[in-house]
């Protein structure tokens, strides 16, 4: 984690990534960032997990997508 209480979960919009993001939030994380390719799943995760969650749409198989995320 970059700073205490912050986490970034790659592939966090479903499955074990979503469960991990939920765990971090439930156990006191100040801010959890999730990234995934599917914008609809990211938006649904944000609705379900609340204000401590930030979403980042990115396809880690595409260099341009990674560059845009870093910007």
C-alpha atoms as a PDB file:
ATOM      1  CA  UNK A   1       0.000   0.000   0.000  1.00  0.00           C
ATOM      2  CA  UNK A   2       1.255   3.466  -0.899  1.00  0.00           C
ATOM      3  CA  UNK A   3       0.121   4.936   2.390  1.00  0.00           C
ATOM      4  CA  UNK A   4      -1.538   3.375   5.435  1.00  0.00           C
ATOM      5  CA  UNK A   5      -5.176   2.593   4.893  1.00  0.00           C
ATOM      6  CA  UNK A   6      -5.086   2.684   1.070  1.00  0.00           C
ATOM      7  CA  UNK A   7      -5.301  -0.299  -1.276  1.00  0.00           C
ATOM      8  CA  UNK A   8      -5.449  -0.873  -5.022  1.00  0.00           C
ATOM      9  CA  UNK A   9      -7.071  -4.057  -6.297  1.00  0.00           C
ATOM     10  CA  UNK A  10      -6.489  -4.983  -9.939  1.00  0.00           C
ATOM     11  CA  UNK A  11      -9.495  -6.843 -11.338  1.00  0.00           C
ATOM     12  CA  UNK A  12     -11.589  -5.574  -8.448  1.00  0.00           C
ATOM     13  CA  UNK A  13     -14.982  -5.376 -10.139  1.00  0.00           C
ATOM     14  CA  UNK A  14     -15.852  -9.058  -9.700  1.00  0.00           C
ATOM     15  CA  UNK A  15     -14.806 -12.332  -8.141  1.00  0.00           C
ATOM     16  CA  UNK A  16     -11.976 -12.495  -5.663  1.00  0.00           C
ATOM     17  CA  UNK A  17     -10.885  -8.946  -6.518  1.00  0.00           C
ATOM     18  CA  UNK A  18     -14.304  -7.587  -5.566  1.00  0.00           C
ATOM     19  CA  UNK A  19     -14.260  -9.678  -2.383  1.00  0.00           C
ATOM     20  CA  UNK A  20     -10.829  -8.270  -1.545  1.00  0.00           C
ATOM     21  CA  UNK A  21     -11.998  -4.686  -2.066  1.00  0.00           C
ATOM     22  CA  UNK A  22     -15.021  -5.371   0.132  1.00  0.00           C
ATOM     23  CA  UNK A  23     -12.761  -6.859   2.818  1.00  0.00           C
ATOM     24  CA  UNK A  24     -10.464  -3.814   2.840  1.00  0.00           C
ATOM     25  CA  UNK A  25     -13.418  -1.441   3.168  1.00  0.00           C
ATOM     26  CA  UNK A  26     -15.072  -3.499   5.905  1.00  0.00           C
ATOM     27  CA  UNK A  27     -11.800  -3.610   7.850  1.00  0.00           C
ATOM     28  CA  UNK A  28     -11.143   0.117   7.960  1.00  0.00           C
ATOM     29  CA  UNK A  29      -9.382   1.128   4.762  1.00  0.00           C
ATOM     30  CA  UNK A  30      -9.541   4.876   4.191  1.00  0.00           C
ATOM     31  CA  UNK A  31      -9.705   4.475   0.397  1.00  0.00           C
ATOM     32  CA  UNK A  32      -9.790   1.469  -1.918  1.00  0.00           C
ATOM     33  CA  UNK A  33      -9.066   1.764  -5.635  1.00  0.00           C
ATOM     34  CA  UNK A  34     -10.202  -0.948  -8.022  1.00  0.00           C
ATOM     35  CA  UNK A  35      -9.316  -1.265 -11.665  1.00  0.00           C
ATOM     36  CA  UNK A  36     -10.871  -3.413 -14.365  1.00  0.00           C
ATOM     37  CA  UNK A  37     -11.758  -3.375 -18.068  1.00  0.00           C
ATOM     38  CA  UNK A  38     -15.556  -3.402 -17.793  1.00  0.00           C
ATOM     39  CA  UNK A  39     -16.932   0.066 -16.976  1.00  0.00           C
ATOM     40  CA  UNK A  40     -20.408  -1.299 -16.168  1.00  0.00           C
ATOM     41  CA  UNK A  41     -18.989  -3.701 -13.573  1.00  0.00           C
ATOM     42  CA  UNK A  42     -16.883  -0.916 -12.088  1.00  0.00           C
ATOM     43  CA  UNK A  43     -19.940   1.313 -11.739  1.00  0.00           C
ATOM     44  CA  UNK A  44     -21.931  -1.504 -10.122  1.00  0.00           C
ATOM     45  CA  UNK A  45     -19.080  -2.161  -7.662  1.00  0.00           C
ATOM     46  CA  UNK A  46     -19.033   1.561  -6.794  1.00  0.00           C
ATOM     47  CA  UNK A  47     -22.792   1.491  -6.142  1.00  0.00           C
ATOM     48  CA  UNK A  48     -22.441  -1.557  -3.890  1.00  0.00           C
ATOM     49  CA  UNK A  49     -19.271  -0.672  -1.999  1.00  0.00           C
ATOM     50  CA  UNK A  50     -19.826   3.041  -1.460  1.00  0.00           C
ATOM     51  CA  UNK A  51     -17.879   6.237  -0.983  1.00  0.00           C
ATOM     52  CA  UNK A  52     -14.574   4.731   0.118  1.00  0.00           C
ATOM     53  CA  UNK A  53     -14.194   3.138  -3.307  1.00  0.00           C
ATOM     54  CA  UNK A  54     -12.628   4.754  -6.371  1.00  0.00           C
ATOM     55  CA  UNK A  55     -12.689   3.079  -9.762  1.00  0.00           C
ATOM     56  CA  UNK A  56     -10.196   3.140 -12.615  1.00  0.00           C
ATOM     57  CA  UNK A  57     -11.071   1.654 -16.005  1.00  0.00           C
ATOM     58  CA  UNK A  58      -7.985   0.021 -17.512  1.00  0.00           C
ATOM     59  CA  UNK A  59      -7.082  -2.906 -19.759  1.00  0.00           C
ATOM     60  CA  UNK A  60      -3.696  -4.126 -18.573  1.00  0.00           C
ATOM     61  CA  UNK A  61      -3.127  -5.911 -21.874  1.00  0.00           C
ATOM     62  CA  UNK A  62      -3.088  -2.562 -23.729  1.00  0.00           C
ATOM     63  CA  UNK A  63      -0.129  -0.186 -23.330  1.00  0.00           C
ATOM     64  CA  UNK A  64      -2.248   2.839 -24.292  1.00  0.00           C
ATOM     65  CA  UNK A  65      -4.776   1.983 -21.581  1.00  0.00           C
ATOM     66  CA  UNK A  66      -2.047   1.707 -18.957  1.00  0.00           C
ATOM     67  CA  UNK A  67      -0.545   5.035 -20.057  1.00  0.00           C
ATOM     68  CA  UNK A  68      -3.951   6.721 -19.793  1.00  0.00           C
ATOM     69  CA  UNK A  69      -4.441   5.275 -16.302  1.00  0.00           C
ATOM     70  CA  UNK A  70      -1.095   6.641 -15.112  1.00  0.00           C
ATOM     71  CA  UNK A  71      -1.956  10.097 -16.469  1.00  0.00           C
END
